[in-house]
């Protein structure tokens, strides 16, 4: 199981290592700012794509006060699709479910 509410240190890789930030190989980079393996992300996303539809996206957008987990997942989702990791902007992006679905299918 994954731990929740884990506080992460506020240091960058460069600060932690005491030197310059190391560049990841191209095959380990995501289009966003973090370097997670793209293949791992697409392999994880592919099986759930058929279960994500317009109705679900509209429901997610309707949440006024989402649980911390829902908020965090949507922030990450928005970041992976190239936007900032921000709940309000993620919620705004759900205003056009067709575009969100198309981008998910392109990513996965």
N, C-alpha and C. Protein backbone atom coordinates (compact mmCIF):
# COMPACT_ATOMS: atom_id res chain seq x y z
N UNK A 1 0.83 -1.19 0.00
CA UNK A 1 0.00 0.00 0.00
C UNK A 1 0.87 1.24 0.00
N UNK A 2 0.30 2.31 -0.49
CA UNK A 2 1.02 3.57 -0.53
C UNK A 2 0.74 4.39 0.72
N UNK A 3 1.74 5.01 1.23
CA UNK A 3 1.57 5.89 2.39
C UNK A 3 0.96 7.20 1.92
N UNK A 4 0.09 7.75 2.73
CA UNK A 4 -0.49 9.04 2.39
C UNK A 4 -0.01 10.08 3.39
N UNK A 5 -0.13 11.31 3.02
CA UNK A 5 0.26 12.43 3.86
C UNK A 5 1.72 12.34 4.29
N UNK A 6 2.57 11.93 3.38
CA UNK A 6 4.00 11.86 3.66
C UNK A 6 4.63 13.19 3.29
N UNK A 7 5.30 13.81 4.24
CA UNK A 7 5.96 15.08 3.97
C UNK A 7 7.26 14.83 3.24
N UNK A 8 7.42 15.50 2.11
CA UNK A 8 8.64 15.37 1.33
C UNK A 8 9.56 16.54 1.63
N UNK A 9 10.86 16.32 1.61
CA UNK A 9 11.78 17.43 1.86
C UNK A 9 11.66 18.47 0.76
N UNK A 10 11.93 19.70 1.12
CA UNK A 10 11.78 20.79 0.15
C UNK A 10 13.09 21.10 -0.57
N UNK A 11 13.91 20.09 -0.80
CA UNK A 11 15.17 20.29 -1.51
C UNK A 11 15.06 19.72 -2.91
N UNK A 12 15.82 20.29 -3.81
CA UNK A 12 15.87 19.76 -5.17
C UNK A 12 16.92 18.68 -5.25
N UNK A 13 16.97 17.99 -6.36
CA UNK A 13 17.98 16.96 -6.55
C UNK A 13 19.37 17.57 -6.45
N UNK A 14 19.55 18.74 -7.04
CA UNK A 14 20.85 19.40 -7.02
C UNK A 14 21.27 19.76 -5.59
N UNK A 15 20.33 20.29 -4.81
CA UNK A 15 20.65 20.64 -3.43
C UNK A 15 20.98 19.40 -2.61
N UNK A 16 20.23 18.34 -2.83
CA UNK A 16 20.42 17.11 -2.07
C UNK A 16 21.77 16.48 -2.37
N UNK A 17 22.17 16.48 -3.62
CA UNK A 17 23.43 15.85 -4.00
C UNK A 17 24.62 16.77 -3.76
N UNK A 18 24.34 18.05 -3.52
CA UNK A 18 25.41 19.00 -3.27
C UNK A 18 26.11 19.47 -4.53
N UNK A 19 25.55 19.17 -5.67
CA UNK A 19 26.19 19.56 -6.93
C UNK A 19 25.17 19.97 -7.96
N UNK A 20 25.56 19.83 -9.20
CA UNK A 20 24.67 20.17 -10.30
C UNK A 20 23.61 19.10 -10.46
N UNK A 21 22.45 19.52 -10.95
CA UNK A 21 21.36 18.58 -11.19
C UNK A 21 21.72 17.69 -12.37
N UNK A 22 21.56 16.38 -12.19
CA UNK A 22 21.91 15.44 -13.25
C UNK A 22 20.79 15.35 -14.27
N UNK A 23 21.16 15.26 -15.53
CA UNK A 23 20.20 15.13 -16.63
C UNK A 23 19.84 13.66 -16.80
N UNK A 24 18.53 13.37 -16.89
CA UNK A 24 18.09 11.99 -17.11
C UNK A 24 18.19 11.64 -18.59
N UNK A 25 18.40 10.37 -18.90
CA UNK A 25 18.38 9.94 -20.31
C UNK A 25 17.02 10.23 -20.93
N UNK A 26 16.98 10.47 -22.21
CA UNK A 26 15.74 10.85 -22.90
C UNK A 26 14.63 9.83 -22.72
N UNK A 27 14.96 8.53 -22.69
CA UNK A 27 13.91 7.51 -22.58
C UNK A 27 13.28 7.46 -21.19
N UNK A 28 13.82 8.19 -20.21
CA UNK A 28 13.26 8.21 -18.86
C UNK A 28 12.47 9.48 -18.57
N UNK A 29 12.36 10.38 -19.54
CA UNK A 29 11.71 11.66 -19.30
C UNK A 29 10.25 11.64 -19.74
N UNK A 30 9.43 12.35 -18.98
CA UNK A 30 8.04 12.61 -19.35
C UNK A 30 7.98 13.96 -20.05
N UNK A 31 6.89 14.22 -20.76
CA UNK A 31 6.75 15.55 -21.36
C UNK A 31 6.72 16.66 -20.32
N UNK A 32 6.29 16.36 -19.09
CA UNK A 32 6.25 17.35 -18.01
C UNK A 32 7.62 17.56 -17.40
N UNK A 33 7.65 18.04 -16.17
CA UNK A 33 8.92 18.39 -15.55
C UNK A 33 9.59 17.25 -14.82
N UNK A 34 8.91 16.15 -14.58
CA UNK A 34 9.51 15.05 -13.83
C UNK A 34 9.98 13.96 -14.77
N UNK A 35 10.99 13.23 -14.42
CA UNK A 35 11.58 12.21 -15.27
C UNK A 35 11.16 10.80 -14.90
N UNK A 36 9.91 10.47 -15.00
CA UNK A 36 9.44 9.11 -14.77
C UNK A 36 9.40 8.39 -16.11
N UNK A 37 9.59 7.10 -16.11
CA UNK A 37 9.58 6.38 -17.39
C UNK A 37 8.23 6.49 -18.10
N UNK A 38 8.27 6.96 -19.34
CA UNK A 38 7.05 7.13 -20.13
C UNK A 38 6.35 5.80 -20.33
N UNK A 39 7.09 4.76 -20.61
CA UNK A 39 6.48 3.46 -20.85
C UNK A 39 5.69 2.99 -19.63
N UNK A 40 6.23 3.20 -18.44
CA UNK A 40 5.54 2.80 -17.22
C UNK A 40 4.22 3.55 -17.08
N UNK A 41 4.24 4.85 -17.40
CA UNK A 41 3.02 5.65 -17.30
C UNK A 41 1.98 5.20 -18.31
N UNK A 42 2.39 5.00 -19.55
CA UNK A 42 1.42 4.61 -20.57
C UNK A 42 0.89 3.20 -20.32
N UNK A 43 1.73 2.30 -19.85
CA UNK A 43 1.27 0.95 -19.53
C UNK A 43 0.27 0.95 -18.38
N UNK A 44 0.43 1.86 -17.44
CA UNK A 44 -0.50 1.97 -16.31
C UNK A 44 -1.80 2.62 -16.72
N UNK A 45 -1.73 3.56 -17.65
CA UNK A 45 -2.91 4.31 -18.07
C UNK A 45 -3.80 3.52 -19.03
N UNK A 46 -3.19 2.76 -19.90
CA UNK A 46 -3.93 2.06 -20.97
C UNK A 46 -5.12 1.23 -20.46
N UNK A 47 -4.98 0.41 -19.40
CA UNK A 47 -6.12 -0.41 -18.97
C UNK A 47 -7.29 0.38 -18.39
N UNK A 48 -7.04 1.58 -17.87
CA UNK A 48 -8.14 2.33 -17.27
C UNK A 48 -8.82 3.29 -18.24
N UNK A 49 -8.22 3.55 -19.39
CA UNK A 49 -8.81 4.49 -20.36
C UNK A 49 -10.25 4.15 -20.74
N UNK A 50 -10.59 2.88 -20.97
CA UNK A 50 -11.98 2.58 -21.34
C UNK A 50 -13.00 2.93 -20.24
N UNK A 51 -12.53 3.10 -19.01
CA UNK A 51 -13.44 3.39 -17.89
C UNK A 51 -13.58 4.89 -17.61
N UNK A 52 -12.83 5.70 -18.34
CA UNK A 52 -12.91 7.15 -18.17
C UNK A 52 -13.79 7.71 -19.29
N UNK A 53 -14.88 8.34 -18.90
CA UNK A 53 -15.79 8.89 -19.91
C UNK A 53 -16.19 10.32 -19.54
N UNK A 54 -16.96 10.92 -20.43
CA UNK A 54 -17.39 12.31 -20.25
C UNK A 54 -18.13 12.50 -18.93
N UNK A 55 -19.01 11.57 -18.60
CA UNK A 55 -19.81 11.67 -17.37
C UNK A 55 -18.91 11.73 -16.13
N UNK A 56 -17.87 10.90 -16.11
CA UNK A 56 -16.95 10.89 -14.98
C UNK A 56 -16.20 12.22 -14.87
N UNK A 57 -15.76 12.76 -15.99
CA UNK A 57 -15.03 14.03 -15.98
C UNK A 57 -15.93 15.18 -15.52
N UNK A 58 -17.18 15.17 -15.94
CA UNK A 58 -18.13 16.20 -15.51
C UNK A 58 -18.37 16.09 -14.01
N UNK A 59 -18.48 14.87 -13.50
CA UNK A 59 -18.66 14.67 -12.06
C UNK A 59 -17.45 15.20 -11.28
N UNK A 60 -16.26 14.89 -11.75
CA UNK A 60 -15.05 15.36 -11.07
C UNK A 60 -14.99 16.88 -11.05
N UNK A 61 -15.40 17.50 -12.14
CA UNK A 61 -15.38 18.96 -12.21
C UNK A 61 -16.40 19.59 -11.26
N UNK A 62 -17.45 18.87 -10.94
CA UNK A 62 -18.51 19.43 -10.09
C UNK A 62 -18.14 19.49 -8.61
N UNK A 63 -17.08 18.81 -8.21
CA UNK A 63 -16.69 18.81 -6.80
C UNK A 63 -16.26 20.21 -6.35
N UNK A 64 -16.93 20.73 -5.33
CA UNK A 64 -16.54 22.01 -4.76
C UNK A 64 -15.39 21.83 -3.77
N UNK A 65 -15.48 20.76 -2.98
CA UNK A 65 -14.46 20.46 -1.97
C UNK A 65 -14.06 19.00 -2.10
N UNK A 66 -13.18 18.68 -3.04
CA UNK A 66 -12.80 17.28 -3.24
C UNK A 66 -11.97 16.76 -2.07
N UNK A 67 -11.96 15.46 -1.93
CA UNK A 67 -11.09 14.86 -0.92
C UNK A 67 -9.64 15.15 -1.31
N UNK A 68 -8.74 15.12 -0.36
CA UNK A 68 -7.32 15.37 -0.70
C UNK A 68 -6.80 14.42 -1.79
N UNK A 69 -7.26 13.18 -1.78
CA UNK A 69 -6.79 12.22 -2.78
C UNK A 69 -7.27 12.61 -4.17
N UNK A 70 -8.54 12.96 -4.30
CA UNK A 70 -9.08 13.37 -5.61
C UNK A 70 -8.35 14.61 -6.10
N UNK A 71 -8.15 15.55 -5.21
CA UNK A 71 -7.46 16.79 -5.57
C UNK A 71 -6.03 16.49 -6.05
N UNK A 72 -5.32 15.65 -5.33
CA UNK A 72 -3.94 15.33 -5.69
C UNK A 72 -3.87 14.59 -7.02
N UNK A 73 -4.78 13.64 -7.24
CA UNK A 73 -4.78 12.89 -8.49
C UNK A 73 -5.05 13.81 -9.67
N UNK A 74 -6.02 14.71 -9.53
CA UNK A 74 -6.33 15.63 -10.63
C UNK A 74 -5.20 16.63 -10.88
N UNK A 75 -4.53 17.07 -9.82
CA UNK A 75 -3.38 17.95 -10.01
C UNK A 75 -2.28 17.23 -10.80
N UNK A 76 -2.02 15.97 -10.43
CA UNK A 76 -1.00 15.18 -11.14
C UNK A 76 -1.42 14.91 -12.58
N UNK A 77 -2.67 14.57 -12.77
CA UNK A 77 -3.22 14.34 -14.10
C UNK A 77 -2.99 15.57 -14.98
N UNK A 78 -3.30 16.74 -14.45
CA UNK A 78 -3.13 17.98 -15.20
C UNK A 78 -1.65 18.23 -15.50
N UNK A 79 -0.80 17.94 -14.54
CA UNK A 79 0.64 18.10 -14.75
C UNK A 79 1.18 17.17 -15.81
N UNK A 80 0.72 15.93 -15.80
CA UNK A 80 1.19 14.96 -16.79
C UNK A 80 0.78 15.33 -18.21
N UNK A 81 -0.32 16.04 -18.32
CA UNK A 81 -0.77 16.47 -19.64
C UNK A 81 -0.16 17.81 -20.04
N UNK A 82 0.82 18.27 -19.27
CA UNK A 82 1.57 19.45 -19.66
C UNK A 82 1.21 20.73 -18.94
N UNK A 83 0.21 20.71 -18.08
CA UNK A 83 -0.17 21.91 -17.35
C UNK A 83 0.51 21.97 -15.99
N UNK A 84 0.28 23.05 -15.27
CA UNK A 84 0.84 23.14 -13.92
C UNK A 84 0.10 22.20 -12.96
N UNK A 85 0.76 21.80 -11.90
CA UNK A 85 0.16 20.93 -10.89
C UNK A 85 -0.69 21.79 -9.97
N UNK A 86 -1.91 22.12 -10.41
CA UNK A 86 -2.77 23.06 -9.70
C UNK A 86 -4.22 22.59 -9.80
N UNK A 87 -4.91 22.51 -8.67
CA UNK A 87 -6.29 22.01 -8.63
C UNK A 87 -7.23 22.89 -9.44
N UNK A 88 -7.18 24.20 -9.24
CA UNK A 88 -8.12 25.08 -9.94
C UNK A 88 -7.95 25.00 -11.45
N UNK A 89 -6.70 24.96 -11.92
CA UNK A 89 -6.46 24.85 -13.36
C UNK A 89 -6.85 23.47 -13.89
N UNK A 90 -6.63 22.44 -13.07
CA UNK A 90 -7.05 21.10 -13.47
C UNK A 90 -8.57 21.05 -13.62
N UNK A 91 -9.26 21.68 -12.67
CA UNK A 91 -10.72 21.71 -12.72
C UNK A 91 -11.20 22.48 -13.96
N UNK A 92 -10.55 23.57 -14.28
CA UNK A 92 -10.91 24.33 -15.48
C UNK A 92 -10.70 23.51 -16.75
N UNK A 93 -9.65 22.71 -16.76
CA UNK A 93 -9.37 21.90 -17.96
C UNK A 93 -10.46 20.86 -18.19
N UNK A 94 -11.18 20.49 -17.13
CA UNK A 94 -12.26 19.51 -17.27
C UNK A 94 -13.52 20.11 -17.89
N UNK A 95 -13.51 21.41 -18.16
CA UNK A 95 -14.67 22.07 -18.78
C UNK A 95 -14.93 21.54 -20.18
N UNK A 96 -13.90 21.01 -20.82
CA UNK A 96 -14.04 20.45 -22.16
C UNK A 96 -13.66 18.97 -22.11
N UNK A 97 -14.61 18.11 -21.69
CA UNK A 97 -14.30 16.69 -21.52
C UNK A 97 -13.81 16.00 -22.79
N UNK A 98 -14.31 16.41 -23.95
CA UNK A 98 -13.88 15.77 -25.19
C UNK A 98 -12.39 15.98 -25.44
N UNK A 99 -11.91 17.19 -25.19
CA UNK A 99 -10.49 17.48 -25.36
C UNK A 99 -9.65 16.71 -24.35
N UNK A 100 -10.11 16.65 -23.11
CA UNK A 100 -9.39 15.91 -22.07
C UNK A 100 -9.28 14.44 -22.46
N UNK A 101 -10.38 13.85 -22.90
CA UNK A 101 -10.36 12.45 -23.31
C UNK A 101 -9.41 12.23 -24.49
N UNK A 102 -9.44 13.13 -25.46
CA UNK A 102 -8.54 13.00 -26.61
C UNK A 102 -7.08 13.06 -26.18
N UNK A 103 -6.77 13.97 -25.26
CA UNK A 103 -5.39 14.08 -24.77
C UNK A 103 -4.98 12.84 -23.99
N UNK A 104 -5.91 12.28 -23.21
CA UNK A 104 -5.60 11.05 -22.48
C UNK A 104 -5.29 9.91 -23.43
N UNK A 105 -6.09 9.80 -24.49
CA UNK A 105 -5.85 8.72 -25.45
C UNK A 105 -4.55 8.93 -26.22
N UNK A 106 -4.18 10.18 -26.47
CA UNK A 106 -2.89 10.45 -27.11
C UNK A 106 -1.75 10.07 -26.18
N UNK A 107 -1.90 10.37 -24.90
CA UNK A 107 -0.85 10.08 -23.92
C UNK A 107 -0.72 8.58 -23.70
N UNK A 108 -1.87 7.90 -23.59
CA UNK A 108 -1.86 6.47 -23.28
C UNK A 108 -1.80 5.64 -24.50
